[in-house]
Amino acid sequence: MSGEHNSSFDIKGIWMVFWVLFAITVLEFILALVIPEAFIAKPIKNVIYIALTLLKAFYIVAYFMHLKFERINMIYSIILPTVFVLGVIAALMYESDYWFTLR
């Protein structure tokens, strides 16, 4: 054995993911530091930040945590509970002022 690791994800793929993550980060910095809020409203900027951050999280989870190469059942066992927990957090935040408005 030569000690080489046989994988479908090689150095070229790692560099591709690096450049994608780098480009997304550059877009975030340009959005934050170059584009004034008079041109793009702050709520729209926040939505763009969230979308770009979720895209970066997708790339990190898919490639560096090797989730892209897993079976679909494994992916669902990770994604579905995460979506459920985020839904519960959103519902709790939406209903959080109920006790204050009860009086």
N, C-alpha and C. Protein backbone atom coordinates (compact mmCIF):
# COMPACT_ATOMS: atom_id res chain seq x y z
N MET A 1 0.83 -1.19 0.00
CA MET A 1 0.00 0.00 0.00
C MET A 1 0.87 1.25 0.00
N SER A 2 0.49 2.19 -0.80
CA SER A 2 1.29 3.40 -0.93
C SER A 2 0.90 4.47 0.07
N GLY A 3 -0.20 4.27 0.80
CA GLY A 3 -0.60 5.26 1.80
C GLY A 3 -1.50 6.34 1.26
N GLU A 4 -1.83 6.25 -0.04
CA GLU A 4 -2.71 7.26 -0.61
C GLU A 4 -4.15 6.98 -0.22
N HIS A 5 -4.89 8.02 -0.06
CA HIS A 5 -6.31 7.92 0.30
C HIS A 5 -7.13 8.04 -0.97
N ASN A 6 -7.87 7.00 -1.29
CA ASN A 6 -8.70 7.02 -2.50
C ASN A 6 -10.02 7.70 -2.17
N SER A 7 -10.25 8.87 -2.74
CA SER A 7 -11.45 9.64 -2.44
C SER A 7 -11.95 10.29 -3.71
N SER A 8 -13.27 10.54 -3.72
CA SER A 8 -13.85 11.22 -4.88
C SER A 8 -13.68 12.73 -4.76
N PHE A 9 -13.16 13.19 -3.65
CA PHE A 9 -12.98 14.62 -3.42
C PHE A 9 -11.49 14.89 -3.33
N ASP A 10 -10.92 15.47 -4.38
CA ASP A 10 -9.49 15.66 -4.46
C ASP A 10 -9.10 17.10 -4.15
N ILE A 11 -7.82 17.41 -4.32
CA ILE A 11 -7.30 18.73 -4.04
C ILE A 11 -7.97 19.79 -4.91
N LYS A 12 -8.24 19.46 -6.16
CA LYS A 12 -8.89 20.41 -7.06
C LYS A 12 -10.29 20.77 -6.54
N GLY A 13 -11.01 19.80 -6.01
CA GLY A 13 -12.33 20.05 -5.44
C GLY A 13 -12.25 20.92 -4.20
N ILE A 14 -11.23 20.71 -3.37
CA ILE A 14 -11.06 21.52 -2.17
C ILE A 14 -10.79 22.97 -2.56
N TRP A 15 -9.93 23.19 -3.56
CA TRP A 15 -9.65 24.55 -4.01
C TRP A 15 -10.90 25.21 -4.60
N MET A 16 -11.72 24.42 -5.30
CA MET A 16 -12.95 24.97 -5.86
C MET A 16 -13.88 25.46 -4.75
N VAL A 17 -14.02 24.65 -3.72
CA VAL A 17 -14.86 25.05 -2.58
C VAL A 17 -14.25 26.25 -1.88
N PHE A 18 -12.93 26.29 -1.74
CA PHE A 18 -12.27 27.44 -1.13
C PHE A 18 -12.59 28.72 -1.89
N TRP A 19 -12.50 28.67 -3.23
CA TRP A 19 -12.74 29.89 -4.01
C TRP A 19 -14.22 30.30 -3.96
N VAL A 20 -15.11 29.33 -3.90
CA VAL A 20 -16.54 29.68 -3.76
C VAL A 20 -16.78 30.36 -2.42
N LEU A 21 -16.23 29.79 -1.34
CA LEU A 21 -16.38 30.41 -0.02
C LEU A 21 -15.72 31.78 0.03
N PHE A 22 -14.57 31.91 -0.60
CA PHE A 22 -13.88 33.19 -0.65
C PHE A 22 -14.71 34.24 -1.40
N ALA A 23 -15.30 33.84 -2.53
CA ALA A 23 -16.12 34.77 -3.31
C ALA A 23 -17.36 35.21 -2.53
N ILE A 24 -17.98 34.29 -1.82
CA ILE A 24 -19.15 34.66 -1.01
C ILE A 24 -18.75 35.63 0.09
N THR A 25 -17.60 35.38 0.72
CA THR A 25 -17.12 36.28 1.78
C THR A 25 -16.81 37.66 1.21
N VAL A 26 -16.21 37.72 0.04
CA VAL A 26 -15.92 39.01 -0.60
C VAL A 26 -17.22 39.75 -0.89
N LEU A 27 -18.24 39.03 -1.37
CA LEU A 27 -19.54 39.66 -1.61
C LEU A 27 -20.13 40.24 -0.32
N GLU A 28 -19.99 39.50 0.76
CA GLU A 28 -20.49 40.00 2.05
C GLU A 28 -19.75 41.27 2.47
N PHE A 29 -18.43 41.29 2.30
CA PHE A 29 -17.67 42.48 2.66
C PHE A 29 -18.02 43.66 1.77
N ILE A 30 -18.19 43.43 0.49
CA ILE A 30 -18.59 44.51 -0.41
C ILE A 30 -19.95 45.04 -0.02
N LEU A 31 -20.87 44.16 0.30
CA LEU A 31 -22.20 44.57 0.72
C LEU A 31 -22.15 45.38 2.01
N ALA A 32 -21.26 45.00 2.91
CA ALA A 32 -21.18 45.68 4.21
C ALA A 32 -20.42 47.00 4.14
N LEU A 33 -19.34 47.04 3.37
CA LEU A 33 -18.44 48.19 3.45
C LEU A 33 -18.51 49.14 2.25
N VAL A 34 -18.93 48.68 1.10
CA VAL A 34 -18.88 49.51 -0.10
C VAL A 34 -20.24 50.07 -0.47
N ILE A 35 -21.26 49.24 -0.44
CA ILE A 35 -22.59 49.67 -0.88
C ILE A 35 -23.28 50.42 0.26
N PRO A 36 -23.64 51.68 0.03
CA PRO A 36 -24.29 52.46 1.11
C PRO A 36 -25.73 52.01 1.34
N GLU A 37 -26.24 52.31 2.54
CA GLU A 37 -27.61 51.93 2.86
C GLU A 37 -28.62 52.78 2.11
N ALA A 38 -28.18 53.88 1.52
CA ALA A 38 -29.10 54.67 0.69
C ALA A 38 -29.42 53.94 -0.61
N PHE A 39 -28.51 53.06 -1.04
CA PHE A 39 -28.70 52.32 -2.28
C PHE A 39 -29.53 51.05 -2.06
N ILE A 40 -29.22 50.33 -0.99
CA ILE A 40 -29.96 49.11 -0.62
C ILE A 40 -30.43 49.28 0.83
N ALA A 41 -31.71 49.08 1.07
CA ALA A 41 -32.26 49.24 2.42
C ALA A 41 -31.68 48.19 3.36
N LYS A 42 -31.62 48.55 4.64
CA LYS A 42 -31.02 47.66 5.64
C LYS A 42 -31.73 46.31 5.74
N PRO A 43 -33.08 46.25 5.73
CA PRO A 43 -33.72 44.92 5.78
C PRO A 43 -33.36 44.04 4.58
N ILE A 44 -33.21 44.64 3.43
CA ILE A 44 -32.82 43.86 2.25
C ILE A 44 -31.38 43.38 2.39
N LYS A 45 -30.51 44.23 2.93
CA LYS A 45 -29.13 43.81 3.19
C LYS A 45 -29.10 42.64 4.16
N ASN A 46 -29.94 42.70 5.20
CA ASN A 46 -29.97 41.61 6.18
C ASN A 46 -30.41 40.30 5.54
N VAL A 47 -31.40 40.35 4.67
CA VAL A 47 -31.85 39.14 3.98
C VAL A 47 -30.74 38.59 3.10
N ILE A 48 -30.00 39.47 2.42
CA ILE A 48 -28.90 39.03 1.58
C ILE A 48 -27.79 38.41 2.43
N TYR A 49 -27.47 39.03 3.59
CA TYR A 49 -26.47 38.45 4.49
C TYR A 49 -26.88 37.05 4.93
N ILE A 50 -28.13 36.89 5.32
CA ILE A 50 -28.61 35.59 5.79
C ILE A 50 -28.52 34.56 4.67
N ALA A 51 -28.92 34.94 3.47
CA ALA A 51 -28.86 34.01 2.34
C ALA A 51 -27.42 33.61 2.02
N LEU A 52 -26.51 34.58 2.02
CA LEU A 52 -25.11 34.27 1.74
C LEU A 52 -24.50 33.41 2.84
N THR A 53 -24.87 33.67 4.09
CA THR A 53 -24.36 32.88 5.20
C THR A 53 -24.88 31.45 5.13
N LEU A 54 -26.15 31.27 4.78
CA LEU A 54 -26.69 29.92 4.62
C LEU A 54 -26.02 29.20 3.46
N LEU A 55 -25.70 29.91 2.40
CA LEU A 55 -24.99 29.30 1.28
C LEU A 55 -23.60 28.84 1.71
N LYS A 56 -22.91 29.67 2.49
CA LYS A 56 -21.60 29.27 2.99
C LYS A 56 -21.72 28.06 3.92
N ALA A 57 -22.74 28.04 4.77
CA ALA A 57 -22.94 26.91 5.66
C ALA A 57 -23.21 25.64 4.86
N PHE A 58 -23.98 25.76 3.77
CA PHE A 58 -24.23 24.60 2.91
C PHE A 58 -22.93 24.04 2.37
N TYR A 59 -22.07 24.90 1.85
CA TYR A 59 -20.81 24.42 1.29
C TYR A 59 -19.93 23.77 2.35
N ILE A 60 -19.89 24.35 3.52
CA ILE A 60 -19.05 23.78 4.58
C ILE A 60 -19.57 22.42 5.00
N VAL A 61 -20.88 22.32 5.21
CA VAL A 61 -21.45 21.04 5.62
C VAL A 61 -21.36 20.02 4.50
N ALA A 62 -21.64 20.43 3.28
CA ALA A 62 -21.66 19.48 2.17
C ALA A 62 -20.28 18.93 1.85
N TYR A 63 -19.27 19.78 1.85
CA TYR A 63 -17.96 19.32 1.40
C TYR A 63 -17.01 18.97 2.53
N PHE A 64 -16.87 19.83 3.53
CA PHE A 64 -15.88 19.57 4.56
C PHE A 64 -16.38 18.61 5.63
N MET A 65 -17.70 18.49 5.78
CA MET A 65 -18.25 17.48 6.68
C MET A 65 -18.71 16.26 5.88
N HIS A 66 -18.44 16.25 4.58
CA HIS A 66 -18.67 15.13 3.68
C HIS A 66 -20.13 14.71 3.60
N LEU A 67 -21.04 15.61 3.86
CA LEU A 67 -22.46 15.26 3.79
C LEU A 67 -22.92 15.10 2.35
N LYS A 68 -22.25 15.74 1.42
CA LYS A 68 -22.61 15.60 0.01
C LYS A 68 -22.43 14.18 -0.49
N PHE A 69 -21.51 13.47 0.10
CA PHE A 69 -21.18 12.13 -0.35
C PHE A 69 -21.93 11.04 0.41
N GLU A 70 -22.84 11.43 1.30
CA GLU A 70 -23.60 10.46 2.08
C GLU A 70 -24.88 10.07 1.37
N ARG A 71 -25.52 9.05 1.88
CA ARG A 71 -26.81 8.62 1.36
C ARG A 71 -27.88 9.62 1.78
N ILE A 72 -28.98 9.61 1.06
CA ILE A 72 -30.04 10.57 1.30
C ILE A 72 -30.68 10.37 2.68
N ASN A 73 -30.75 9.15 3.19
CA ASN A 73 -31.32 8.91 4.52
C ASN A 73 -30.47 9.57 5.60
N MET A 74 -29.16 9.54 5.43
CA MET A 74 -28.27 10.20 6.40
C MET A 74 -28.47 11.71 6.35
N ILE A 75 -28.63 12.24 5.16
CA ILE A 75 -28.83 13.68 5.01
C ILE A 75 -30.14 14.09 5.69
N TYR A 76 -31.21 13.33 5.43
CA TYR A 76 -32.50 13.65 6.06
C TYR A 76 -32.45 13.52 7.57
N SER A 77 -31.67 12.59 8.09
CA SER A 77 -31.59 12.42 9.54
C SER A 77 -30.87 13.59 10.20
N ILE A 78 -30.14 14.37 9.44
CA ILE A 78 -29.48 15.55 9.99
C ILE A 78 -30.30 16.81 9.70
N ILE A 79 -30.84 16.93 8.50
CA ILE A 79 -31.53 18.15 8.10
C ILE A 79 -32.90 18.28 8.77
N LEU A 80 -33.69 17.22 8.80
CA LEU A 80 -35.05 17.31 9.34
C LEU A 80 -35.09 17.72 10.81
N PRO A 81 -34.29 17.12 11.71
CA PRO A 81 -34.31 17.61 13.09
C PRO A 81 -33.85 19.06 13.23
N THR A 82 -32.90 19.47 12.39
CA THR A 82 -32.43 20.85 12.43
C THR A 82 -33.55 21.81 12.03
N VAL A 83 -34.28 21.48 10.97
CA VAL A 83 -35.40 22.31 10.53
C VAL A 83 -36.48 22.34 11.62
N PHE A 84 -36.75 21.20 12.25
CA PHE A 84 -37.74 21.15 13.32
C PHE A 84 -37.34 22.05 14.49
N VAL A 85 -36.09 21.96 14.92
CA VAL A 85 -35.62 22.78 16.04
C VAL A 85 -35.68 24.26 15.68
N LEU A 86 -35.30 24.62 14.47
CA LEU A 86 -35.40 26.02 14.06
C LEU A 86 -36.85 26.48 14.01
N GLY A 87 -37.75 25.60 13.61
CA GLY A 87 -39.17 25.94 13.63
C GLY A 87 -39.70 26.15 15.04
N VAL A 88 -39.27 25.32 15.97
CA VAL A 88 -39.67 25.48 17.36
C VAL A 88 -39.12 26.80 17.92
N ILE A 89 -37.89 27.12 17.61
CA ILE A 89 -37.32 28.38 18.08
C ILE A 89 -38.08 29.56 17.49
N ALA A 90 -38.42 29.50 16.21
CA ALA A 90 -39.19 30.58 15.59
C ALA A 90 -40.57 30.71 16.24
N ALA A 91 -41.24 29.60 16.51
CA ALA A 91 -42.55 29.65 17.16
C ALA A 91 -42.45 30.21 18.57
N LEU A 92 -41.43 29.83 19.30
CA LEU A 92 -41.25 30.36 20.65
C LEU A 92 -40.96 31.85 20.63
N MET A 93 -40.18 32.29 19.66
CA MET A 93 -39.91 33.73 19.56
C MET A 93 -41.17 34.49 19.20
N TYR A 94 -42.00 33.92 18.33
CA TYR A 94 -43.23 34.58 17.92
C TYR A 94 -44.21 34.70 19.09
N GLU A 95 -44.27 33.68 19.94
CA GLU A 95 -45.21 33.67 21.06
C GLU A 95 -44.60 34.18 22.37
N SER A 96 -43.40 34.72 22.33
CA SER A 96 -42.70 35.06 23.57
C SER A 96 -43.33 36.20 24.35
N ASP A 97 -44.06 37.09 23.69
CA ASP A 97 -44.65 38.20 24.42
C ASP A 97 -46.09 37.92 24.87
N TYR A 98 -46.54 36.69 24.76
CA TYR A 98 -47.91 36.34 25.13
C TYR A 98 -48.20 36.65 26.59
N TRP A 99 -47.27 36.31 27.48
CA TRP A 99 -47.51 36.52 28.91
C TRP A 99 -47.57 38.00 29.26
N PHE A 100 -46.84 38.83 28.53
CA PHE A 100 -46.87 40.27 28.80
C PHE A 100 -48.15 40.90 28.30
N THR A 101 -48.71 40.41 27.23
CA THR A 101 -49.95 40.97 26.68
C THR A 101 -51.18 40.33 27.27
N LEU A 102 -51.02 39.35 28.14
CA LEU A 102 -52.14 38.64 28.74
C LEU A 102 -52.91 39.53 29.70
N ARG A 103 -52.23 40.47 30.37
CA ARG A 103 -52.88 41.30 31.38
C ARG A 103 -53.76 42.31 30.77
